Amino acid sequence: MKRLTVFCGSSNGSDKIFAEEAHKLGKKFAENKIELVYGGANVGLMGVIADSVLENRGVAIGVLPNFLKKVEVEYKGLSELILVDSMHERKAKMNELSDGVITLPGGFGTLEEFFEMLTWAQLGLHKKPIAIYNIDGFFDDLLLFIKSMVIKGFLKQENYDMLIVSDDLDLLFEKIKNYKAPTVGKWINESQI
């Protein structure tokens, strides 16, 4: 594992535990010589994790659409900042650069990024681990909803089982490290696109 993408909020949330845990995650990246790939902003949990990686002498790579640079959320002190033209290009670039994904608390954008990467895994377009760092039970309700998709016949159990979830950072990294993708995608493989 050389690089991991982190999807997270552009705000800190209502409880200081979210920023505290994002800071711990950044430190863990640096200590394990794992490079951070993230959205390139200096605000919210995004800024916290980048700060922590850099404070601990790690590598932080931002991927930022040009239109967000114009509204001054660009993190100017990153190891590398890659500018792209669209949100879709941002996700594609982040996927290209990383060996897996960790999702922290966030809003619509965080969930959209997470679900797109998870959908790509379901379709067999990549075999990377997709993890949720479930800080303070933030994702509990979402996980119940996803489980209901299985119960109601809209999602296969093996696709649900692709999700890596933990509220313990060490256990989360252990699960990511030992992840084995399903041998069969939902319908297609990358060569069929």
C-alpha atoms as a PDB file:
ATOM      1  CA  MET A   1       0.000   0.000   0.000  1.00  0.00           C
ATOM      2  CA  LYS A   2       1.770   3.101  -1.238  1.00  0.00           C
ATOM      3  CA  ARG A   3      -1.130   5.567  -1.387  1.00  0.00           C
ATOM      4  CA  LEU A   4      -4.676   5.768  -0.049  1.00  0.00           C
ATOM      5  CA  THR A   5      -7.401   8.208  -1.008  1.00  0.00           C
ATOM      6  CA  VAL A   6      -9.383   9.813   1.790  1.00  0.00           C
ATOM      7  CA  PHE A   7     -12.881  11.187   1.200  1.00  0.00           C
ATOM      8  CA  CYS A   8     -14.108  13.450   4.002  1.00  0.00           C
ATOM      9  CA  GLY A   9     -15.946  16.627   4.854  1.00  0.00           C
ATOM     10  CA  SER A  10     -15.034  20.167   3.928  1.00  0.00           C
ATOM     11  CA  SER A  11     -16.250  21.102   7.408  1.00  0.00           C
ATOM     12  CA  ASN A  12     -15.209  19.763  10.813  1.00  0.00           C
ATOM     13  CA  GLY A  13     -18.655  18.626  11.912  1.00  0.00           C
ATOM     14  CA  SER A  14     -20.368  19.377  15.208  1.00  0.00           C
ATOM     15  CA  ASP A  15     -18.123  17.327  17.502  1.00  0.00           C
ATOM     16  CA  LYS A  16     -14.388  17.760  18.002  1.00  0.00           C
ATOM     17  CA  ILE A  17     -13.890  13.978  17.828  1.00  0.00           C
ATOM     18  CA  PHE A  18     -14.138  14.103  14.021  1.00  0.00           C
ATOM     19  CA  ALA A  19     -11.156  16.452  13.676  1.00  0.00           C
ATOM     20  CA  GLU A  20      -9.227  14.611  16.403  1.00  0.00           C
ATOM     21  CA  GLU A  21      -9.620  11.295  14.595  1.00  0.00           C
ATOM     22  CA  ALA A  22      -8.812  12.835  11.195  1.00  0.00           C
ATOM     23  CA  HIS A  23      -5.595  14.142  12.760  1.00  0.00           C
ATOM     24  CA  LYS A  24      -4.770  10.661  14.114  1.00  0.00           C
ATOM     25  CA  LEU A  25      -5.395   9.177  10.682  1.00  0.00           C
ATOM     26  CA  GLY A  26      -3.022  11.649   9.061  1.00  0.00           C
ATOM     27  CA  LYS A  27      -0.329  10.786  11.599  1.00  0.00           C
ATOM     28  CA  LYS A  28      -0.860   7.074  10.925  1.00  0.00           C
ATOM     29  CA  PHE A  29      -0.420   7.677   7.189  1.00  0.00           C
ATOM     30  CA  ALA A  30       2.911   9.407   7.779  1.00  0.00           C
ATOM     31  CA  GLU A  31       4.157   6.838  10.313  1.00  0.00           C
ATOM     32  CA  ASN A  32       3.378   4.001   7.883  1.00  0.00           C
ATOM     33  CA  LYS A  33       4.837   5.872   4.886  1.00  0.00           C
ATOM     34  CA  ILE A  34       1.473   5.819   3.123  1.00  0.00           C
ATOM     35  CA  GLU A  35       0.915   8.827   0.900  1.00  0.00           C
ATOM     36  CA  LEU A  36      -2.371  10.712   1.218  1.00  0.00           C
ATOM     37  CA  VAL A  37      -4.443  11.382  -1.886  1.00  0.00           C
ATOM     38  CA  TYR A  38      -7.374  13.681  -1.174  1.00  0.00           C
ATOM     39  CA  GLY A  39      -9.427  16.554  -2.562  1.00  0.00           C
ATOM     40  CA  GLY A  40      -6.750  19.242  -2.206  1.00  0.00           C
ATOM     41  CA  ALA A  41      -8.653  21.663   0.045  1.00  0.00           C
ATOM     42  CA  ASN A  42      -7.450  23.452   3.179  1.00  0.00           C
ATOM     43  CA  VAL A  43     -10.841  23.426   4.949  1.00  0.00           C
ATOM     44  CA  GLY A  44     -12.668  21.051   7.278  1.00  0.00           C
ATOM     45  CA  LEU A  45     -11.544  17.484   7.850  1.00  0.00           C
ATOM     46  CA  MET A  46      -9.797  17.698   4.482  1.00  0.00           C
ATOM     47  CA  GLY A  47      -7.468  20.371   5.836  1.00  0.00           C
ATOM     48  CA  VAL A  48      -7.029  18.578   9.162  1.00  0.00           C
ATOM     49  CA  ILE A  49      -5.822  15.337   7.622  1.00  0.00           C
ATOM     50  CA  ALA A  50      -3.499  17.114   5.181  1.00  0.00           C
ATOM     51  CA  ASP A  51      -2.060  19.207   8.037  1.00  0.00           C
ATOM     52  CA  SER A  52      -1.450  16.084  10.092  1.00  0.00           C
ATOM     53  CA  VAL A  53       0.239  14.169   7.261  1.00  0.00           C
ATOM     54  CA  LEU A  54       2.535  17.107   6.505  1.00  0.00           C
ATOM     55  CA  GLU A  55       3.262  17.881  10.191  1.00  0.00           C
ATOM     56  CA  ASN A  56       4.450  14.289  10.539  1.00  0.00           C
ATOM     57  CA  ARG A  57       6.680  14.514   7.437  1.00  0.00           C
ATOM     58  CA  GLY A  58       4.399  12.517   5.188  1.00  0.00           C
ATOM     59  CA  VAL A  59       3.319  13.092   1.598  1.00  0.00           C
ATOM     60  CA  ALA A  60      -0.030  14.753   0.829  1.00  0.00           C
ATOM     61  CA  ILE A  61      -1.254  14.888  -2.769  1.00  0.00           C
ATOM     62  CA  GLY A  62      -4.293  17.003  -3.550  1.00  0.00           C
ATOM     63  CA  VAL A  63      -6.537  16.672  -6.596  1.00  0.00           C
ATOM     64  CA  LEU A  64      -8.568  19.838  -7.016  1.00  0.00           C
ATOM     65  CA  PRO A  65     -10.913  21.033  -9.761  1.00  0.00           C
ATOM     66  CA  ASN A  66      -9.948  24.437 -11.156  1.00  0.00           C
ATOM     67  CA  PHE A  67     -13.285  25.997 -10.163  1.00  0.00           C
ATOM     68  CA  LEU A  68     -12.587  25.234  -6.476  1.00  0.00           C
ATOM     69  CA  LYS A  69      -9.119  26.770  -6.715  1.00  0.00           C
ATOM     70  CA  LYS A  70     -10.821  29.988  -7.757  1.00  0.00           C
ATOM     71  CA  VAL A  71     -12.828  30.140  -4.499  1.00  0.00           C
ATOM     72  CA  GLU A  72      -9.606  29.867  -2.483  1.00  0.00           C
ATOM     73  CA  VAL A  73      -9.968  26.494  -0.790  1.00  0.00           C
ATOM     74  CA  GLU A  74      -6.691  25.294  -2.340  1.00  0.00           C
ATOM     75  CA  TYR A  75      -4.161  23.941   0.172  1.00  0.00           C
ATOM     76  CA  LYS A  76      -1.003  25.755  -0.881  1.00  0.00           C
ATOM     77  CA  GLY A  77       1.556  23.730   1.107  1.00  0.00           C
ATOM     78  CA  LEU A  78       0.914  20.241  -0.259  1.00  0.00           C
ATOM     79  CA  SER A  79       3.591  17.860  -1.507  1.00  0.00           C
ATOM     80  CA  GLU A  80       1.793  17.995  -4.856  1.00  0.00           C
ATOM     81  CA  LEU A  81      -1.389  19.623  -6.145  1.00  0.00           C
ATOM     82  CA  ILE A  82      -2.954  18.273  -9.321  1.00  0.00           C
ATOM     83  CA  LEU A  83      -5.510  20.543 -10.985  1.00  0.00           C
ATOM     84  CA  VAL A  84      -8.299  18.993 -13.069  1.00  0.00           C
ATOM     85  CA  ASP A  85     -11.272  20.340 -15.001  1.00  0.00           C
ATOM     86  CA  SER A  86     -14.216  18.527 -13.386  1.00  0.00           C
ATOM     87  CA  MET A  87     -15.400  16.586 -10.362  1.00  0.00           C
ATOM     88  CA  HIS A  88     -15.526  13.405 -12.430  1.00  0.00           C
ATOM     89  CA  GLU A  89     -11.946  13.902 -13.587  1.00  0.00           C
ATOM     90  CA  ARG A  90     -10.990  14.453  -9.943  1.00  0.00           C
ATOM     91  CA  LYS A  91     -12.411  11.084  -8.865  1.00  0.00           C
ATOM     92  CA  ALA A  92     -10.847   9.289 -11.825  1.00  0.00           C
ATOM     93  CA  LYS A  93      -7.441  10.823 -11.010  1.00  0.00           C
ATOM     94  CA  MET A  94      -7.736   9.960  -7.320  1.00  0.00           C
ATOM     95  CA  ASN A  95      -8.600   6.384  -8.259  1.00  0.00           C
ATOM     96  CA  GLU A  96      -5.648   6.217 -10.639  1.00  0.00           C
ATOM     97  CA  LEU A  97      -3.231   7.458  -7.962  1.00  0.00           C
ATOM     98  CA  SER A  98      -4.334   5.315  -5.028  1.00  0.00           C
ATOM     99  CA  ASP A  99      -4.384   1.739  -3.776  1.00  0.00           C
ATOM    100  CA  GLY A 100      -7.649   2.074  -1.853  1.00  0.00           C
ATOM    101  CA  VAL A 101     -10.081   4.438  -0.137  1.00  0.00           C
ATOM    102  CA  ILE A 102     -10.892   5.465   3.412  1.00  0.00           C
ATOM    103  CA  THR A 103     -14.080   7.463   3.974  1.00  0.00           C
ATOM    104  CA  LEU A 104     -14.475   9.719   6.992  1.00  0.00           C
ATOM    105  CA  PRO A 105     -17.536  11.728   8.036  1.00  0.00           C
ATOM    106  CA  GLY A 106     -18.748  14.276   5.507  1.00  0.00           C
ATOM    107  CA  GLY A 107     -21.757  15.403   3.543  1.00  0.00           C
ATOM    108  CA  PHE A 108     -23.243  14.740   0.110  1.00  0.00           C
ATOM    109  CA  GLY A 109     -19.923  15.102  -1.724  1.00  0.00           C
ATOM    110  CA  THR A 110     -18.192  12.612   0.556  1.00  0.00           C
ATOM    111  CA  LEU A 111     -20.976  10.076   0.121  1.00  0.00           C
ATOM    112  CA  GLU A 112     -21.088  10.581  -3.652  1.00  0.00           C
ATOM    113  CA  GLU A 113     -17.340   9.942  -3.945  1.00  0.00           C
ATOM    114  CA  PHE A 114     -17.535   6.916  -1.657  1.00  0.00           C
ATOM    115  CA  PHE A 115     -20.471   5.362  -3.508  1.00  0.00           C
ATOM    116  CA  GLU A 116     -18.925   5.898  -6.916  1.00  0.00           C
ATOM    117  CA  MET A 117     -15.718   4.117  -5.869  1.00  0.00           C
ATOM    118  CA  LEU A 118     -17.777   1.351  -4.250  1.00  0.00           C
ATOM    119  CA  THR A 119     -19.887   0.998  -7.409  1.00  0.00           C
ATOM    120  CA  TRP A 120     -16.743   0.766  -9.546  1.00  0.00           C
ATOM    121  CA  ALA A 121     -15.547  -2.055  -7.253  1.00  0.00           C
ATOM    122  CA  GLN A 122     -18.928  -3.801  -7.506  1.00  0.00           C
ATOM    123  CA  LEU A 123     -18.709  -3.644 -11.292  1.00  0.00           C
ATOM    124  CA  GLY A 124     -15.192  -5.077 -11.238  1.00  0.00           C
ATOM    125  CA  LEU A 125     -13.538  -1.889 -12.530  1.00  0.00           C
ATOM    126  CA  HIS A 126     -11.007  -2.053  -9.692  1.00  0.00           C
ATOM    127  CA  LYS A 127     -10.152  -4.420  -6.855  1.00  0.00           C
ATOM    128  CA  LYS A 128      -9.137  -1.863  -4.260  1.00  0.00           C
ATOM    129  CA  PRO A 129     -10.308  -1.855  -0.644  1.00  0.00           C
ATOM    130  CA  ILE A 130     -13.064   0.643   0.142  1.00  0.00           C
ATOM    131  CA  ALA A 131     -13.184   1.456   3.857  1.00  0.00           C
ATOM    132  CA  ILE A 132     -15.274   3.499   6.247  1.00  0.00           C
ATOM    133  CA  TYR A 133     -13.673   4.921   9.369  1.00  0.00           C
ATOM    134  CA  ASN A 134     -16.831   4.936  11.467  1.00  0.00           C
ATOM    135  CA  ILE A 135     -15.879   7.683  13.906  1.00  0.00           C
ATOM    136  CA  ASP A 136     -18.318   7.906  16.809  1.00  0.00           C
ATOM    137  CA  GLY A 137     -20.853   5.753  14.939  1.00  0.00           C
ATOM    138  CA  PHE A 138     -21.284   8.432  12.252  1.00  0.00           C
ATOM    139  CA  PHE A 139     -22.087   5.873   9.535  1.00  0.00           C
ATOM    140  CA  ASP A 140     -24.277   3.516  11.623  1.00  0.00           C
ATOM    141  CA  ASP A 141     -27.566   4.595  10.041  1.00  0.00           C
ATOM    142  CA  LEU A 142     -26.107   4.468   6.533  1.00  0.00           C
ATOM    143  CA  LEU A 143     -24.796   0.951   7.158  1.00  0.00           C
ATOM    144  CA  LEU A 144     -28.244  -0.139   8.359  1.00  0.00           C
ATOM    145  CA  PHE A 145     -29.757   1.292   5.182  1.00  0.00           C
ATOM    146  CA  ILE A 146     -27.204  -0.517   3.016  1.00  0.00           C
ATOM    147  CA  LYS A 147     -27.959  -3.757   4.896  1.00  0.00           C
ATOM    148  CA  SER A 148     -31.651  -3.198   4.116  1.00  0.00           C
ATOM    149  CA  MET A 149     -30.711  -3.182   0.412  1.00  0.00           C
ATOM    150  CA  VAL A 150     -29.472  -6.748   0.912  1.00  0.00           C
ATOM    151  CA  ILE A 151     -32.550  -7.792   2.891  1.00  0.00           C
ATOM    152  CA  LYS A 152     -34.884  -6.338   0.237  1.00  0.00           C
ATOM    153  CA  GLY A 153     -33.043  -7.941  -2.668  1.00  0.00           C
ATOM    154  CA  PHE A 154     -31.363  -4.890  -4.226  1.00  0.00           C
ATOM    155  CA  LEU A 155     -27.792  -5.737  -3.220  1.00  0.00           C
ATOM    156  CA  LYS A 156     -25.968  -9.056  -3.031  1.00  0.00           C
ATOM    157  CA  GLN A 157     -24.449 -10.038   0.298  1.00  0.00           C
ATOM    158  CA  GLU A 158     -21.020 -10.425  -1.362  1.00  0.00           C
ATOM    159  CA  ASN A 159     -21.201  -6.796  -2.480  1.00  0.00           C
ATOM    160  CA  TYR A 160     -22.147  -5.683   1.029  1.00  0.00           C
ATOM    161  CA  ASP A 161     -19.216  -7.727   2.317  1.00  0.00           C
ATOM    162  CA  MET A 162     -16.835  -5.676   0.142  1.00  0.00           C
ATOM    163  CA  LEU A 163     -17.243  -2.813   2.614  1.00  0.00           C
ATOM    164  CA  ILE A 164     -14.508  -2.495   5.213  1.00  0.00           C
ATOM    165  CA  VAL A 165     -15.807  -0.801   8.353  1.00  0.00           C
ATOM    166  CA  SER A 166     -14.260  -0.107  11.720  1.00  0.00           C
ATOM    167  CA  ASP A 167     -14.246   2.525  14.445  1.00  0.00           C
ATOM    168  CA  ASP A 168     -10.742   1.377  15.448  1.00  0.00           C
ATOM    169  CA  LEU A 169      -7.913   2.830  13.358  1.00  0.00           C
ATOM    170  CA  ASP A 170      -5.487  -0.075  13.812  1.00  0.00           C
ATOM    171  CA  LEU A 171      -8.152  -2.636  12.961  1.00  0.00           C
ATOM    172  CA  LEU A 172      -9.227  -0.577   9.948  1.00  0.00           C
ATOM    173  CA  PHE A 173      -5.676  -0.598   8.560  1.00  0.00           C
ATOM    174  CA  GLU A 174      -5.349  -4.321   9.236  1.00  0.00           C
ATOM    175  CA  LYS A 175      -8.575  -4.993   7.312  1.00  0.00           C
ATOM    176  CA  ILE A 176      -7.433  -2.797   4.421  1.00  0.00           C
ATOM    177  CA  LYS A 177      -4.078  -4.554   4.297  1.00  0.00           C
ATOM    178  CA  ASN A 178      -5.706  -8.009   4.198  1.00  0.00           C
ATOM    179  CA  TYR A 179      -8.554  -7.143   1.804  1.00  0.00           C
ATOM    180  CA  LYS A 180      -9.309  -9.637  -0.964  1.00  0.00           C
ATOM    181  CA  ALA A 181     -11.667  -8.431  -3.668  1.00  0.00           C
ATOM    182  CA  PRO A 182     -14.484 -10.707  -4.861  1.00  0.00           C
ATOM    183  CA  THR A 183     -13.333 -12.875  -7.745  1.00  0.00           C
ATOM    184  CA  VAL A 184     -16.292 -11.891  -9.908  1.00  0.00           C
ATOM    185  CA  GLY A 185     -17.608  -8.402 -10.583  1.00  0.00           C
ATOM    186  CA  LYS A 186     -21.309  -7.651 -10.939  1.00  0.00           C
ATOM    187  CA  TRP A 187     -21.524  -7.899 -14.744  1.00  0.00           C
ATOM    188  CA  ILE A 188     -18.430  -6.670 -16.513  1.00  0.00           C
ATOM    189  CA  ASN A 189     -14.694  -6.254 -16.240  1.00  0.00           C
ATOM    190  CA  GLU A 190     -12.505  -3.305 -17.177  1.00  0.00           C
ATOM    191  CA  SER A 191     -11.513  -4.774 -20.574  1.00  0.00           C
ATOM    192  CA  GLN A 192     -15.175  -4.769 -21.658  1.00  0.00           C
ATOM    193  CA  ILE A 193     -15.547  -0.992 -21.353  1.00  0.00           C
END
